[in-house]
C-alpha atoms as a PDB file:
ATOM      1  CA  MET A   1      16.065  36.090   1.847  1.00  0.00           C
ATOM      2  CA  THR A   2      17.413  39.152   3.670  1.00  0.00           C
ATOM      3  CA  ASP A   3      20.814  39.633   4.825  1.00  0.00           C
ATOM      4  CA  GLN A   4      21.232  39.169   8.415  1.00  0.00           C
ATOM      5  CA  PRO A   5      24.388  40.555  10.091  1.00  0.00           C
ATOM      6  CA  LYS A   6      26.335  37.132  11.177  1.00  0.00           C
ATOM      7  CA  LYS A   7      26.557  37.006  14.649  1.00  0.00           C
ATOM      8  CA  GLN A   8      29.603  35.051  16.941  1.00  0.00           C
ATOM      9  CA  VAL A   9      28.652  32.016  18.680  1.00  0.00           C
ATOM     10  CA  ASN A  10      30.054  29.814  20.997  1.00  0.00           C
ATOM     11  CA  PRO A  11      31.406  26.519  19.212  1.00  0.00           C
ATOM     12  CA  MET A  12      29.960  24.901  21.951  1.00  0.00           C
ATOM     13  CA  ALA A  13      26.645  25.556  21.518  1.00  0.00           C
ATOM     14  CA  ALA A  14      26.710  25.331  17.970  1.00  0.00           C
ATOM     15  CA  ALA A  15      27.932  21.817  18.383  1.00  0.00           C
ATOM     16  CA  VAL A  16      24.860  21.201  20.997  1.00  0.00           C
ATOM     17  CA  GLU A  17      22.343  22.702  18.388  1.00  0.00           C
ATOM     18  CA  ALA A  18      23.829  20.118  15.607  1.00  0.00           C
ATOM     19  CA  THR A  19      23.609  17.307  17.449  1.00  0.00           C
ATOM     20  CA  ALA A  20      20.208  17.941  18.981  1.00  0.00           C
ATOM     21  CA  LEU A  21      18.768  18.679  15.093  1.00  0.00           C
ATOM     22  CA  ASN A  22      20.666  15.334  14.194  1.00  0.00           C
ATOM     23  CA  ASP A  23      18.747  13.657  16.471  1.00  0.00           C
ATOM     24  CA  PHE A  24      15.790  15.034  15.972  1.00  0.00           C
ATOM     25  CA  TYR A  25      16.063  14.312  12.089  1.00  0.00           C
ATOM     26  CA  ARG A  26      16.931  10.970  12.324  1.00  0.00           C
ATOM     27  CA  ASN A  27      14.208   9.876  14.785  1.00  0.00           C
ATOM     28  CA  ARG A  28      11.988  12.135  12.016  1.00  0.00           C
ATOM     29  CA  ASN A  29      13.127  10.133   9.207  1.00  0.00           C
ATOM     30  CA  LEU A  30      13.304   6.372  11.410  1.00  0.00           C
ATOM     31  CA  MET A  31       9.525   7.314  12.362  1.00  0.00           C
ATOM     32  CA  LEU A  32       8.921   7.974   8.347  1.00  0.00           C
ATOM     33  CA  ALA A  33      10.733   4.483   7.324  1.00  0.00           C
ATOM     34  CA  ASP A  34       8.466   2.775   9.950  1.00  0.00           C
ATOM     35  CA  ALA A  35       5.421   4.241   8.774  1.00  0.00           C
ATOM     36  CA  LEU A  36       6.328   4.087   5.363  1.00  0.00           C
ATOM     37  CA  GLU A  37       7.076  -0.254   5.612  1.00  0.00           C
ATOM     38  CA  ARG A  38       3.571  -0.785   7.068  1.00  0.00           C
ATOM     39  CA  GLU A  39       2.155   0.963   4.383  1.00  0.00           C
ATOM     40  CA  ARG A  40       3.588  -0.775   2.635  1.00  0.00           C
ATOM     41  CA  GLN A  41       3.017  -4.153   3.875  1.00  0.00           C
ATOM     42  CA  GLU A  42      -0.686  -2.996   4.804  1.00  0.00           C
ATOM     43  CA  LYS A  43      -0.583  -2.784   0.244  1.00  0.00           C
ATOM     44  CA  ASP A  44       0.730  -5.783   0.334  1.00  0.00           C
ATOM     45  CA  ALA A  45      -1.915  -7.688   2.223  1.00  0.00           C
ATOM     46  CA  MET A  46      -4.581  -5.819   0.520  1.00  0.00           C
ATOM     47  CA  GLN A  47      -2.842  -6.616  -2.797  1.00  0.00           C
ATOM     48  CA  ALA A  48      -3.426  -9.995  -1.601  1.00  0.00           C
ATOM     49  CA  GLU A  49      -6.534 -10.151  -0.579  1.00  0.00           C
ATOM     50  CA  ILE A  50      -7.556  -9.185  -4.268  1.00  0.00           C
ATOM     51  CA  ASP A  51      -5.549 -11.474  -5.963  1.00  0.00           C
ATOM     52  CA  ARG A  52      -7.644 -14.078  -4.106  1.00  0.00           C
ATOM     53  CA  LEU A  53     -10.824 -12.356  -4.556  1.00  0.00           C
ATOM     54  CA  THR A  54     -10.391 -12.199  -8.344  1.00  0.00           C
ATOM     55  CA  LYS A  55      -9.674 -15.757  -8.293  1.00  0.00           C
ATOM     56  CA  ILE A  56     -13.091 -16.396  -6.560  1.00  0.00           C
ATOM     57  CA  ASN A  57     -14.454 -14.868  -8.728  1.00  0.00           C
ATOM     58  CA  GLY A  58     -13.192 -15.715 -11.930  1.00  0.00           C
ATOM     59  CA  LYS A  59     -13.912 -19.354 -10.526  1.00  0.00           C
ATOM     60  CA  LEU A  60     -17.624 -18.334  -9.950  1.00  0.00           C
ATOM     61  CA  GLN A  61     -18.058 -16.510 -13.447  1.00  0.00           C
ATOM     62  CA  ASP A  62     -16.738 -19.801 -14.962  1.00  0.00           C
ATOM     63  CA  ALA A  63     -19.402 -21.990 -12.670  1.00  0.00           C
ATOM     64  CA  ALA A  64     -22.412 -19.439 -13.893  1.00  0.00           C
ATOM     65  CA  VAL A  65     -21.259 -19.976 -17.409  1.00  0.00           C
ATOM     66  CA  GLN A  66     -21.104 -23.728 -17.393  1.00  0.00           C
ATOM     67  CA  THR A  67     -24.677 -23.729 -14.865  1.00  0.00           C
ATOM     68  CA  GLY A  68     -25.942 -21.371 -18.121  1.00  0.00           C
ATOM     69  CA  ALA A  69     -24.811 -23.677 -20.487  1.00  0.00           C
ATOM     70  CA  ALA A  70     -25.984 -26.564 -19.304  1.00  0.00           C
ATOM     71  CA  LYS A  71     -29.496 -24.905 -18.355  1.00  0.00           C
ATOM     72  CA  THR A  72     -29.626 -24.088 -22.123  1.00  0.00           C
ATOM     73  CA  ASP A  73     -28.808 -28.045 -23.193  1.00  0.00           C
ATOM     74  CA  LYS A  74     -31.168 -28.479 -20.887  1.00  0.00           C
ATOM     75  CA  LYS A  75     -33.794 -26.662 -22.742  1.00  0.00           C
ATOM     76  CA  ASP A  76     -32.771 -27.976 -26.344  1.00  0.00           C
ATOM     77  CA  ALA A  77     -33.153 -31.689 -25.111  1.00  0.00           C
ATOM     78  CA  GLU A  78     -36.522 -30.634 -23.840  1.00  0.00           C
ATOM     79  CA  ASN A  79     -37.769 -28.996 -26.996  1.00  0.00           C
ATOM     80  CA  GLY A  80     -36.582 -31.593 -29.143  1.00  0.00           C
ATOM     81  CA  GLY A  81     -33.185 -29.986 -29.639  1.00  0.00           C
END
């Protein structure tokens, strides 16, 4: 960083600038926090949907296995098993 000469600044101007920067960063932080919370809610909703679909998929797979086993039992019975 280069050395810059120090300049006298009116204290009122410095206070106004500091206040403006504080307001800017406070608003920016609030907007970022709000966006983050919306993303978390969306992620939670997506995870709930994944969990729901995973549960349905598991039930479908169980039913397919049972159906397959029933078909095998039926073929065995037809073939004198």
